[in-house]
ModelCIF file with pLDDT and N, C-alpha, C, O atoms, coordinates in Angstrom:
data_MODEL
#
_entry.id   MODEL 
#
_entity.id                         1 
_entity.type                       polymer 
_entity.pdbx_number_of_molecules   1 
#
_entity_poly.entity_id                      1 
_entity_poly.type                           'polypeptide(L)' 
_entity_poly.nstd_linkage                   no 
_entity_poly.nstd_monomer                   no 
_entity_poly.pdbx_seq_one_letter_code       DVTDQAQVDAMAAQLPAQLDVLFNDAGGAFGQENVEDANLDEWNKMY 
_entity_poly.pdbx_seq_one_letter_code_can   DVTDQAQVDAMAAQLPAQLDVLFNDAGGAFGQENVEDANLDEWNKMY 
_entity_poly.pdbx_strand_id                 A 
#
loop_
_entity_poly_seq.entity_id 
_entity_poly_seq.num 
_entity_poly_seq.mon_id 
_entity_poly_seq.hetero 
1 1  ASP n 
1 2  VAL n 
1 3  THR n 
1 4  ASP n 
1 5  GLN n 
1 6  ALA n 
1 7  GLN n 
1 8  VAL n 
1 9  ASP n 
1 10 ALA n 
1 11 MET n 
1 12 ALA n 
1 13 ALA n 
1 14 GLN n 
1 15 LEU n 
1 16 PRO n 
1 17 ALA n 
1 18 GLN n 
1 19 LEU n 
1 20 ASP n 
1 21 VAL n 
1 22 LEU n 
1 23 PHE n 
1 24 ASN n 
1 25 ASP n 
1 26 ALA n 
1 27 GLY n 
1 28 GLY n 
1 29 ALA n 
1 30 PHE n 
1 31 GLY n 
1 32 GLN n 
1 33 GLU n 
1 34 ASN n 
1 35 VAL n 
1 36 GLU n 
1 37 ASP n 
1 38 ALA n 
1 39 ASN n 
1 40 LEU n 
1 41 ASP n 
1 42 GLU n 
1 43 TRP n 
1 44 ASN n 
1 45 LYS n 
1 46 MET n 
1 47 TYR n 
#
_struct_asym.id          A 
_struct_asym.entity_id   1 
#
loop_
_ma_qa_metric.id 
_ma_qa_metric.mode 
_ma_qa_metric.name 
_ma_qa_metric.software_group_id 
_ma_qa_metric.type 
1 global pLDDT . pLDDT 
2 local  pLDDT . pLDDT 
#
_ma_qa_metric_global.metric_id      1 
_ma_qa_metric_global.metric_value   96.55 
_ma_qa_metric_global.model_id       1 
_ma_qa_metric_global.ordinal_id     1 
#
loop_
_ma_qa_metric_local.label_asym_id 
_ma_qa_metric_local.label_comp_id 
_ma_qa_metric_local.label_seq_id 
_ma_qa_metric_local.metric_id 
_ma_qa_metric_local.metric_value 
_ma_qa_metric_local.model_id 
_ma_qa_metric_local.ordinal_id 
A ASP 1  2 97.00 1 1  
A VAL 2  2 98.00 1 2  
A THR 3  2 97.00 1 3  
A ASP 4  2 98.00 1 4  
A GLN 5  2 98.00 1 5  
A ALA 6  2 98.00 1 6  
A GLN 7  2 98.00 1 7  
A VAL 8  2 98.00 1 8  
A ASP 9  2 98.00 1 9  
A ALA 10 2 98.00 1 10 
A MET 11 2 98.00 1 11 
A ALA 12 2 98.00 1 12 
A ALA 13 2 98.00 1 13 
A GLN 14 2 97.00 1 14 
A LEU 15 2 98.00 1 15 
A PRO 16 2 97.00 1 16 
A ALA 17 2 98.00 1 17 
A GLN 18 2 98.00 1 18 
A LEU 19 2 98.00 1 19 
A ASP 20 2 98.00 1 20 
A VAL 21 2 98.00 1 21 
A LEU 22 2 98.00 1 22 
A PHE 23 2 98.00 1 23 
A ASN 24 2 98.00 1 24 
A ASP 25 2 97.00 1 25 
A ALA 26 2 94.00 1 26 
A GLY 27 2 93.00 1 27 
A GLY 28 2 92.00 1 28 
A ALA 29 2 91.00 1 29 
A PHE 30 2 93.00 1 30 
A GLY 31 2 92.00 1 31 
A GLN 32 2 92.00 1 32 
A GLU 33 2 94.00 1 33 
A ASN 34 2 97.00 1 34 
A VAL 35 2 97.00 1 35 
A GLU 36 2 97.00 1 36 
A ASP 37 2 97.00 1 37 
A ALA 38 2 96.00 1 38 
A ASN 39 2 96.00 1 39 
A LEU 40 2 97.00 1 40 
A ASP 41 2 96.00 1 41 
A GLU 42 2 96.00 1 42 
A TRP 43 2 97.00 1 43 
A ASN 44 2 97.00 1 44 
A LYS 45 2 96.00 1 45 
A MET 46 2 96.00 1 46 
A TYR 47 2 97.00 1 47 
#
loop_
_atom_site.group_PDB 
_atom_site.id 
_atom_site.type_symbol 
_atom_site.label_atom_id 
_atom_site.label_alt_id 
_atom_site.label_comp_id 
_atom_site.label_asym_id 
_atom_site.label_entity_id 
_atom_site.label_seq_id 
_atom_site.pdbx_PDB_ins_code 
_atom_site.Cartn_x 
_atom_site.Cartn_y 
_atom_site.Cartn_z 
_atom_site.occupancy 
_atom_site.B_iso_or_equiv 
_atom_site.pdbx_formal_charge 
_atom_site.auth_seq_id 
_atom_site.auth_comp_id 
_atom_site.auth_asym_id 
_atom_site.auth_atom_id 
_atom_site.pdbx_PDB_model_num 
ATOM 1   N N  . ASP A 1 1  ? 5.238   -34.059 86.229  1.00 97.00 ? 1  ASP A N  1 
ATOM 2   C CA . ASP A 1 1  ? 4.819   -35.391 87.272  1.00 97.00 ? 1  ASP A CA 1 
ATOM 3   C C  . ASP A 1 1  ? 4.780   -34.778 88.221  1.00 97.00 ? 1  ASP A C  1 
ATOM 4   O O  . ASP A 1 1  ? 5.589   -33.912 88.555  1.00 97.00 ? 1  ASP A O  1 
ATOM 5   N N  . VAL A 1 2  ? 3.458   -35.274 89.030  1.00 98.00 ? 2  VAL A N  1 
ATOM 6   C CA . VAL A 1 2  ? 2.787   -34.557 89.971  1.00 98.00 ? 2  VAL A CA 1 
ATOM 7   C C  . VAL A 1 2  ? 3.703   -34.797 91.364  1.00 98.00 ? 2  VAL A C  1 
ATOM 8   O O  . VAL A 1 2  ? 3.844   -34.028 92.315  1.00 98.00 ? 2  VAL A O  1 
ATOM 9   N N  . THR A 1 3  ? 4.224   -36.014 91.169  1.00 97.00 ? 3  THR A N  1 
ATOM 10  C CA . THR A 1 3  ? 5.168   -35.969 92.496  1.00 97.00 ? 3  THR A CA 1 
ATOM 11  C C  . THR A 1 3  ? 6.367   -35.732 92.515  1.00 97.00 ? 3  THR A C  1 
ATOM 12  O O  . THR A 1 3  ? 7.093   -36.385 93.265  1.00 97.00 ? 3  THR A O  1 
ATOM 13  N N  . ASP A 1 4  ? 6.947   -34.606 91.587  1.00 98.00 ? 4  ASP A N  1 
ATOM 14  C CA . ASP A 1 4  ? 8.073   -33.762 91.592  1.00 98.00 ? 4  ASP A CA 1 
ATOM 15  C C  . ASP A 1 4  ? 7.787   -31.908 91.843  1.00 98.00 ? 4  ASP A C  1 
ATOM 16  O O  . ASP A 1 4  ? 7.710   -31.094 90.922  1.00 98.00 ? 4  ASP A O  1 
ATOM 17  N N  . GLN A 1 5  ? 7.696   -31.662 92.999  1.00 98.00 ? 5  GLN A N  1 
ATOM 18  C CA . GLN A 1 5  ? 7.673   -30.456 93.116  1.00 98.00 ? 5  GLN A CA 1 
ATOM 19  C C  . GLN A 1 5  ? 7.917   -29.331 91.727  1.00 98.00 ? 5  GLN A C  1 
ATOM 20  O O  . GLN A 1 5  ? 6.944   -28.829 91.164  1.00 98.00 ? 5  GLN A O  1 
ATOM 21  N N  . ALA A 1 6  ? 9.172   -29.075 91.349  1.00 98.00 ? 6  ALA A N  1 
ATOM 22  C CA . ALA A 1 6  ? 9.546   -28.458 90.629  1.00 98.00 ? 6  ALA A CA 1 
ATOM 23  C C  . ALA A 1 6  ? 8.901   -28.497 89.112  1.00 98.00 ? 6  ALA A C  1 
ATOM 24  O O  . ALA A 1 6  ? 9.138   -27.571 88.336  1.00 98.00 ? 6  ALA A O  1 
ATOM 25  N N  . GLN A 1 7  ? 8.159   -29.501 88.765  1.00 98.00 ? 7  GLN A N  1 
ATOM 26  C CA . GLN A 1 7  ? 7.690   -29.891 88.044  1.00 98.00 ? 7  GLN A CA 1 
ATOM 27  C C  . GLN A 1 7  ? 6.058   -29.179 87.877  1.00 98.00 ? 7  GLN A C  1 
ATOM 28  O O  . GLN A 1 7  ? 5.564   -28.706 86.854  1.00 98.00 ? 7  GLN A O  1 
ATOM 29  N N  . VAL A 1 8  ? 5.418   -29.295 89.307  1.00 98.00 ? 8  VAL A N  1 
ATOM 30  C CA . VAL A 1 8  ? 4.549   -28.893 89.466  1.00 98.00 ? 8  VAL A CA 1 
ATOM 31  C C  . VAL A 1 8  ? 4.492   -27.242 89.332  1.00 98.00 ? 8  VAL A C  1 
ATOM 32  O O  . VAL A 1 8  ? 3.658   -26.622 88.672  1.00 98.00 ? 8  VAL A O  1 
ATOM 33  N N  . ASP A 1 9  ? 5.460   -26.733 90.029  1.00 98.00 ? 9  ASP A N  1 
ATOM 34  C CA . ASP A 1 9  ? 5.612   -25.112 90.143  1.00 98.00 ? 9  ASP A CA 1 
ATOM 35  C C  . ASP A 1 9  ? 5.942   -24.535 88.532  1.00 98.00 ? 9  ASP A C  1 
ATOM 36  O O  . ASP A 1 9  ? 5.585   -23.392 88.244  1.00 98.00 ? 9  ASP A O  1 
ATOM 37  N N  . ALA A 1 10 ? 6.717   -25.492 87.402  1.00 98.00 ? 10 ALA A N  1 
ATOM 38  C CA . ALA A 1 10 ? 6.607   -25.207 86.409  1.00 98.00 ? 10 ALA A CA 1 
ATOM 39  C C  . ALA A 1 10 ? 5.276   -25.046 85.564  1.00 98.00 ? 10 ALA A C  1 
ATOM 40  O O  . ALA A 1 10 ? 4.846   -24.074 84.942  1.00 98.00 ? 10 ALA A O  1 
ATOM 41  N N  . MET A 1 11 ? 4.765   -26.325 85.748  1.00 98.00 ? 11 MET A N  1 
ATOM 42  C CA . MET A 1 11 ? 3.261   -26.558 85.387  1.00 98.00 ? 11 MET A CA 1 
ATOM 43  C C  . MET A 1 11 ? 2.503   -25.388 85.426  1.00 98.00 ? 11 MET A C  1 
ATOM 44  O O  . MET A 1 11 ? 2.079   -24.767 84.451  1.00 98.00 ? 11 MET A O  1 
ATOM 45  N N  . ALA A 1 12 ? 2.306   -25.028 87.020  1.00 98.00 ? 12 ALA A N  1 
ATOM 46  C CA . ALA A 1 12 ? 1.540   -23.800 87.380  1.00 98.00 ? 12 ALA A CA 1 
ATOM 47  C C  . ALA A 1 12 ? 1.884   -22.229 86.800  1.00 98.00 ? 12 ALA A C  1 
ATOM 48  O O  . ALA A 1 12 ? 1.128   -21.260 86.744  1.00 98.00 ? 12 ALA A O  1 
ATOM 49  N N  . ALA A 1 13 ? 3.035   -22.326 86.472  1.00 98.00 ? 13 ALA A N  1 
ATOM 50  C CA . ALA A 1 13 ? 3.553   -21.211 85.589  1.00 98.00 ? 13 ALA A CA 1 
ATOM 51  C C  . ALA A 1 13 ? 3.131   -20.945 84.237  1.00 98.00 ? 13 ALA A C  1 
ATOM 52  O O  . ALA A 1 13 ? 3.346   -19.886 83.647  1.00 98.00 ? 13 ALA A O  1 
ATOM 53  N N  . GLN A 1 14 ? 2.371   -22.189 83.649  1.00 97.00 ? 14 GLN A N  1 
ATOM 54  C CA . GLN A 1 14 ? 1.965   -22.204 82.665  1.00 97.00 ? 14 GLN A CA 1 
ATOM 55  C C  . GLN A 1 14 ? 0.706   -21.839 82.264  1.00 97.00 ? 14 GLN A C  1 
ATOM 56  O O  . GLN A 1 14 ? 0.418   -21.551 81.103  1.00 97.00 ? 14 GLN A O  1 
ATOM 57  N N  . LEU A 1 15 ? -0.206  -21.842 83.377  1.00 98.00 ? 15 LEU A N  1 
ATOM 58  C CA . LEU A 1 15 ? -1.572  -21.780 83.501  1.00 98.00 ? 15 LEU A CA 1 
ATOM 59  C C  . LEU A 1 15 ? -1.959  -20.163 83.659  1.00 98.00 ? 15 LEU A C  1 
ATOM 60  O O  . LEU A 1 15 ? -1.257  -19.365 84.280  1.00 98.00 ? 15 LEU A O  1 
ATOM 61  N N  . PRO A 1 16 ? -3.130  -19.849 83.024  1.00 97.00 ? 16 PRO A N  1 
ATOM 62  C CA . PRO A 1 16 ? -3.948  -18.582 83.123  1.00 97.00 ? 16 PRO A CA 1 
ATOM 63  C C  . PRO A 1 16 ? -3.939  -18.366 84.580  1.00 97.00 ? 16 PRO A C  1 
ATOM 64  O O  . PRO A 1 16 ? -3.872  -19.349 85.318  1.00 97.00 ? 16 PRO A O  1 
ATOM 65  N N  . ALA A 1 17 ? -4.010  -17.016 85.131  1.00 98.00 ? 17 ALA A N  1 
ATOM 66  C CA . ALA A 1 17 ? -4.206  -16.517 86.549  1.00 98.00 ? 17 ALA A CA 1 
ATOM 67  C C  . ALA A 1 17 ? -5.866  -17.299 87.084  1.00 98.00 ? 17 ALA A C  1 
ATOM 68  O O  . ALA A 1 17 ? -6.019  -17.417 88.300  1.00 98.00 ? 17 ALA A O  1 
ATOM 69  N N  . GLN A 1 18 ? -6.615  -17.619 86.474  1.00 98.00 ? 18 GLN A N  1 
ATOM 70  C CA . GLN A 1 18 ? -7.675  -18.056 86.793  1.00 98.00 ? 18 GLN A CA 1 
ATOM 71  C C  . GLN A 1 18 ? -8.439  -19.420 86.059  1.00 98.00 ? 18 GLN A C  1 
ATOM 72  O O  . GLN A 1 18 ? -8.653  -19.600 84.860  1.00 98.00 ? 18 GLN A O  1 
ATOM 73  N N  . LEU A 1 19 ? -8.711  -20.157 87.022  1.00 98.00 ? 19 LEU A N  1 
ATOM 74  C CA . LEU A 1 19 ? -9.662  -21.523 86.333  1.00 98.00 ? 19 LEU A CA 1 
ATOM 75  C C  . LEU A 1 19 ? -10.788 -21.977 86.745  1.00 98.00 ? 19 LEU A C  1 
ATOM 76  O O  . LEU A 1 19 ? -11.013 -21.873 87.951  1.00 98.00 ? 19 LEU A O  1 
ATOM 77  N N  . ASP A 1 20 ? -11.590 -22.469 86.058  1.00 98.00 ? 20 ASP A N  1 
ATOM 78  C CA . ASP A 1 20 ? -12.518 -22.897 86.641  1.00 98.00 ? 20 ASP A CA 1 
ATOM 79  C C  . ASP A 1 20 ? -12.714 -24.232 87.011  1.00 98.00 ? 20 ASP A C  1 
ATOM 80  O O  . ASP A 1 20 ? -13.711 -24.437 87.703  1.00 98.00 ? 20 ASP A O  1 
ATOM 81  N N  . VAL A 1 21 ? -11.891 -25.361 86.672  1.00 98.00 ? 21 VAL A N  1 
ATOM 82  C CA . VAL A 1 21 ? -11.942 -26.641 87.011  1.00 98.00 ? 21 VAL A CA 1 
ATOM 83  C C  . VAL A 1 21 ? -10.519 -27.073 87.163  1.00 98.00 ? 21 VAL A C  1 
ATOM 84  O O  . VAL A 1 21 ? -9.730  -26.851 86.245  1.00 98.00 ? 21 VAL A O  1 
ATOM 85  N N  . LEU A 1 22 ? -10.096 -27.737 88.372  1.00 98.00 ? 22 LEU A N  1 
ATOM 86  C CA . LEU A 1 22 ? -8.954  -28.878 88.299  1.00 98.00 ? 22 LEU A CA 1 
ATOM 87  C C  . LEU A 1 22 ? -9.631  -30.156 88.822  1.00 98.00 ? 22 LEU A C  1 
ATOM 88  O O  . LEU A 1 22 ? -10.230 -30.258 89.893  1.00 98.00 ? 22 LEU A O  1 
ATOM 89  N N  . PHE A 1 23 ? -9.428  -31.180 87.838  1.00 98.00 ? 23 PHE A N  1 
ATOM 90  C CA . PHE A 1 23 ? -9.666  -32.442 88.341  1.00 98.00 ? 23 PHE A CA 1 
ATOM 91  C C  . PHE A 1 23 ? -8.572  -33.080 88.424  1.00 98.00 ? 23 PHE A C  1 
ATOM 92  O O  . PHE A 1 23 ? -7.796  -33.266 87.487  1.00 98.00 ? 23 PHE A O  1 
ATOM 93  N N  . ASN A 1 24 ? -8.394  -33.583 89.921  1.00 98.00 ? 24 ASN A N  1 
ATOM 94  C CA . ASN A 1 24 ? -7.389  -34.143 90.106  1.00 98.00 ? 24 ASN A CA 1 
ATOM 95  C C  . ASN A 1 24 ? -7.608  -35.954 89.866  1.00 98.00 ? 24 ASN A C  1 
ATOM 96  O O  . ASN A 1 24 ? -8.313  -36.676 90.571  1.00 98.00 ? 24 ASN A O  1 
ATOM 97  N N  . ASP A 1 25 ? -6.921  -36.308 88.875  1.00 97.00 ? 25 ASP A N  1 
ATOM 98  C CA . ASP A 1 25 ? -7.295  -37.779 88.321  1.00 97.00 ? 25 ASP A CA 1 
ATOM 99  C C  . ASP A 1 25 ? -6.133  -38.722 88.227  1.00 97.00 ? 25 ASP A C  1 
ATOM 100 O O  . ASP A 1 25 ? -6.182  -39.943 88.081  1.00 97.00 ? 25 ASP A O  1 
ATOM 101 N N  . ALA A 1 26 ? -4.819  -37.758 88.362  1.00 94.00 ? 26 ALA A N  1 
ATOM 102 C CA . ALA A 1 26 ? -3.212  -38.466 88.317  1.00 94.00 ? 26 ALA A CA 1 
ATOM 103 C C  . ALA A 1 26 ? -3.313  -39.582 89.624  1.00 94.00 ? 26 ALA A C  1 
ATOM 104 O O  . ALA A 1 26 ? -3.480  -39.111 90.749  1.00 94.00 ? 26 ALA A O  1 
ATOM 105 N N  . GLY A 1 27 ? -3.212  -41.008 89.459  1.00 93.00 ? 27 GLY A N  1 
ATOM 106 C CA . GLY A 1 27 ? -3.203  -41.738 90.812  1.00 93.00 ? 27 GLY A CA 1 
ATOM 107 C C  . GLY A 1 27 ? -3.109  -43.089 90.270  1.00 93.00 ? 27 GLY A C  1 
ATOM 108 O O  . GLY A 1 27 ? -2.710  -43.101 89.105  1.00 93.00 ? 27 GLY A O  1 
ATOM 109 N N  . GLY A 1 28 ? -3.383  -44.330 90.823  1.00 92.00 ? 28 GLY A N  1 
ATOM 110 C CA . GLY A 1 28 ? -2.993  -45.553 90.448  1.00 92.00 ? 28 GLY A CA 1 
ATOM 111 C C  . GLY A 1 28 ? -2.556  -46.560 91.605  1.00 92.00 ? 28 GLY A C  1 
ATOM 112 O O  . GLY A 1 28 ? -2.116  -46.336 92.733  1.00 92.00 ? 28 GLY A O  1 
ATOM 113 N N  . ALA A 1 29 ? -2.776  -47.506 91.069  1.00 91.00 ? 29 ALA A N  1 
ATOM 114 C CA . ALA A 1 29 ? -2.760  -48.533 92.283  1.00 91.00 ? 29 ALA A CA 1 
ATOM 115 C C  . ALA A 1 29 ? -1.643  -49.563 91.707  1.00 91.00 ? 29 ALA A C  1 
ATOM 116 O O  . ALA A 1 29 ? -1.533  -49.791 90.502  1.00 91.00 ? 29 ALA A O  1 
ATOM 117 N N  . PHE A 1 30 ? -0.832  -50.156 92.697  1.00 93.00 ? 30 PHE A N  1 
ATOM 118 C CA . PHE A 1 30 ? 0.705   -50.860 92.570  1.00 93.00 ? 30 PHE A CA 1 
ATOM 119 C C  . PHE A 1 30 ? 0.567   -52.202 93.344  1.00 93.00 ? 30 PHE A C  1 
ATOM 120 O O  . PHE A 1 30 ? 0.728   -52.130 94.563  1.00 93.00 ? 30 PHE A O  1 
ATOM 121 N N  . GLY A 1 31 ? 0.308   -53.333 92.837  1.00 92.00 ? 31 GLY A N  1 
ATOM 122 C CA . GLY A 1 31 ? 0.267   -54.440 93.593  1.00 92.00 ? 31 GLY A CA 1 
ATOM 123 C C  . GLY A 1 31 ? -0.858  -54.714 94.273  1.00 92.00 ? 31 GLY A C  1 
ATOM 124 O O  . GLY A 1 31 ? -1.639  -53.784 94.477  1.00 92.00 ? 31 GLY A O  1 
ATOM 125 N N  . GLN A 1 32 ? -1.195  -56.162 94.805  1.00 92.00 ? 32 GLN A N  1 
ATOM 126 C CA . GLN A 1 32 ? -2.710  -56.547 95.576  1.00 92.00 ? 32 GLN A CA 1 
ATOM 127 C C  . GLN A 1 32 ? -2.170  -57.248 96.317  1.00 92.00 ? 32 GLN A C  1 
ATOM 128 O O  . GLN A 1 32 ? -2.682  -58.348 96.108  1.00 92.00 ? 32 GLN A O  1 
ATOM 129 N N  . GLU A 1 33 ? -1.138  -57.392 97.398  1.00 94.00 ? 33 GLU A N  1 
ATOM 130 C CA . GLU A 1 33 ? -0.835  -58.689 98.283  1.00 94.00 ? 33 GLU A CA 1 
ATOM 131 C C  . GLU A 1 33 ? -1.450  -58.090 99.880  1.00 94.00 ? 33 GLU A C  1 
ATOM 132 O O  . GLU A 1 33 ? -1.803  -56.991 100.307 1.00 94.00 ? 33 GLU A O  1 
ATOM 133 N N  . ASN A 1 34 ? -1.366  -59.215 100.334 1.00 97.00 ? 34 ASN A N  1 
ATOM 134 C CA . ASN A 1 34 ? -1.630  -59.175 101.760 1.00 97.00 ? 34 ASN A CA 1 
ATOM 135 C C  . ASN A 1 34 ? -0.478  -58.298 102.300 1.00 97.00 ? 34 ASN A C  1 
ATOM 136 O O  . ASN A 1 34 ? 0.553   -58.036 101.681 1.00 97.00 ? 34 ASN A O  1 
ATOM 137 N N  . VAL A 1 35 ? -0.804  -57.878 103.552 1.00 97.00 ? 35 VAL A N  1 
ATOM 138 C CA . VAL A 1 35 ? 0.368   -56.871 104.212 1.00 97.00 ? 35 VAL A CA 1 
ATOM 139 C C  . VAL A 1 35 ? 1.075   -57.318 104.660 1.00 97.00 ? 35 VAL A C  1 
ATOM 140 O O  . VAL A 1 35 ? 1.919   -56.475 104.961 1.00 97.00 ? 35 VAL A O  1 
ATOM 141 N N  . GLU A 1 36 ? 1.478   -58.693 105.105 1.00 97.00 ? 36 GLU A N  1 
ATOM 142 C CA . GLU A 1 36 ? 2.362   -59.590 105.611 1.00 97.00 ? 36 GLU A CA 1 
ATOM 143 C C  . GLU A 1 36 ? 3.599   -59.735 104.333 1.00 97.00 ? 36 GLU A C  1 
ATOM 144 O O  . GLU A 1 36 ? 4.811   -59.937 104.415 1.00 97.00 ? 36 GLU A O  1 
ATOM 145 N N  . ASP A 1 37 ? 2.782   -59.554 103.275 1.00 97.00 ? 37 ASP A N  1 
ATOM 146 C CA . ASP A 1 37 ? 3.695   -59.916 101.778 1.00 97.00 ? 37 ASP A CA 1 
ATOM 147 C C  . ASP A 1 37 ? 3.952   -58.793 101.125 1.00 97.00 ? 37 ASP A C  1 
ATOM 148 O O  . ASP A 1 37 ? 4.591   -58.885 100.077 1.00 97.00 ? 37 ASP A O  1 
ATOM 149 N N  . ALA A 1 38 ? 3.462   -57.328 101.651 1.00 96.00 ? 38 ALA A N  1 
ATOM 150 C CA . ALA A 1 38 ? 3.127   -56.299 100.748 1.00 96.00 ? 38 ALA A CA 1 
ATOM 151 C C  . ALA A 1 38 ? 5.071   -55.746 100.624 1.00 96.00 ? 38 ALA A C  1 
ATOM 152 O O  . ALA A 1 38 ? 6.069   -56.010 101.294 1.00 96.00 ? 38 ALA A O  1 
ATOM 153 N N  . ASN A 1 39 ? 4.777   -54.818 99.289  1.00 96.00 ? 39 ASN A N  1 
ATOM 154 C CA . ASN A 1 39 ? 6.172   -54.494 98.837  1.00 96.00 ? 39 ASN A CA 1 
ATOM 155 C C  . ASN A 1 39 ? 5.741   -52.724 99.353  1.00 96.00 ? 39 ASN A C  1 
ATOM 156 O O  . ASN A 1 39 ? 4.914   -51.917 98.927  1.00 96.00 ? 39 ASN A O  1 
ATOM 157 N N  . LEU A 1 40 ? 6.584   -52.686 100.255 1.00 97.00 ? 40 LEU A N  1 
ATOM 158 C CA . LEU A 1 40 ? 6.299   -50.822 101.157 1.00 97.00 ? 40 LEU A CA 1 
ATOM 159 C C  . LEU A 1 40 ? 6.808   -50.139 99.977  1.00 97.00 ? 40 LEU A C  1 
ATOM 160 O O  . LEU A 1 40 ? 6.128   -49.144 99.730  1.00 97.00 ? 40 LEU A O  1 
ATOM 161 N N  . ASP A 1 41 ? 8.066   -50.384 98.908  1.00 96.00 ? 41 ASP A N  1 
ATOM 162 C CA . ASP A 1 41 ? 8.338   -49.285 97.960  1.00 96.00 ? 41 ASP A CA 1 
ATOM 163 C C  . ASP A 1 41 ? 6.750   -49.010 96.854  1.00 96.00 ? 41 ASP A C  1 
ATOM 164 O O  . ASP A 1 41 ? 6.565   -47.986 96.196  1.00 96.00 ? 41 ASP A O  1 
ATOM 165 N N  . GLU A 1 42 ? 5.947   -50.007 96.901  1.00 96.00 ? 42 GLU A N  1 
ATOM 166 C CA . GLU A 1 42 ? 4.985   -49.918 95.994  1.00 96.00 ? 42 GLU A CA 1 
ATOM 167 C C  . GLU A 1 42 ? 3.770   -48.965 96.694  1.00 96.00 ? 42 GLU A C  1 
ATOM 168 O O  . GLU A 1 42 ? 2.885   -48.348 96.100  1.00 96.00 ? 42 GLU A O  1 
ATOM 169 N N  . TRP A 1 43 ? 3.969   -49.033 97.870  1.00 97.00 ? 43 TRP A N  1 
ATOM 170 C CA . TRP A 1 43 ? 2.930   -48.504 98.723  1.00 97.00 ? 43 TRP A CA 1 
ATOM 171 C C  . TRP A 1 43 ? 3.336   -46.949 98.878  1.00 97.00 ? 43 TRP A C  1 
ATOM 172 O O  . TRP A 1 43 ? 2.578   -45.982 98.817  1.00 97.00 ? 43 TRP A O  1 
ATOM 173 N N  . ASN A 1 44 ? 4.854   -46.962 99.112  1.00 97.00 ? 44 ASN A N  1 
ATOM 174 C CA . ASN A 1 44 ? 5.272   -45.302 98.990  1.00 97.00 ? 44 ASN A CA 1 
ATOM 175 C C  . ASN A 1 44 ? 4.891   -44.874 97.544  1.00 97.00 ? 44 ASN A C  1 
ATOM 176 O O  . ASN A 1 44 ? 4.234   -43.833 97.586  1.00 97.00 ? 44 ASN A O  1 
ATOM 177 N N  . LYS A 1 45 ? 5.045   -45.237 96.540  1.00 96.00 ? 45 LYS A N  1 
ATOM 178 C CA . LYS A 1 45 ? 4.686   -44.867 95.257  1.00 96.00 ? 45 LYS A CA 1 
ATOM 179 C C  . LYS A 1 45 ? 3.305   -44.560 95.201  1.00 96.00 ? 45 LYS A C  1 
ATOM 180 O O  . LYS A 1 45 ? 2.976   -43.420 94.877  1.00 96.00 ? 45 LYS A O  1 
ATOM 181 N N  . MET A 1 46 ? 2.409   -45.454 95.483  1.00 96.00 ? 46 MET A N  1 
ATOM 182 C CA . MET A 1 46 ? 1.164   -45.017 95.647  1.00 96.00 ? 46 MET A CA 1 
ATOM 183 C C  . MET A 1 46 ? 0.592   -43.824 96.715  1.00 96.00 ? 46 MET A C  1 
ATOM 184 O O  . MET A 1 46 ? -0.520  -43.354 96.478  1.00 96.00 ? 46 MET A O  1 
ATOM 185 N N  . TYR A 1 47 ? 1.161   -43.463 97.589  1.00 97.00 ? 47 TYR A N  1 
ATOM 186 C CA . TYR A 1 47 ? 1.029   -42.529 98.680  1.00 97.00 ? 47 TYR A CA 1 
ATOM 187 C C  . TYR A 1 47 ? 1.335   -41.376 97.825  1.00 97.00 ? 47 TYR A C  1 
ATOM 188 O O  . TYR A 1 47 ? 1.355   -40.242 98.302  1.00 97.00 ? 47 TYR A O  1 
#
């Protein structure tokens, strides 16, 4: 889970010393409301 530093550290420890490509694809959208109706918890998840 890329939102968890400990898990990212554990992931990195399993990788070789040299890498050729990192493709940062993990992401997503949550909700599509106007700002006045926004669920800021979903904004936080997106960030």
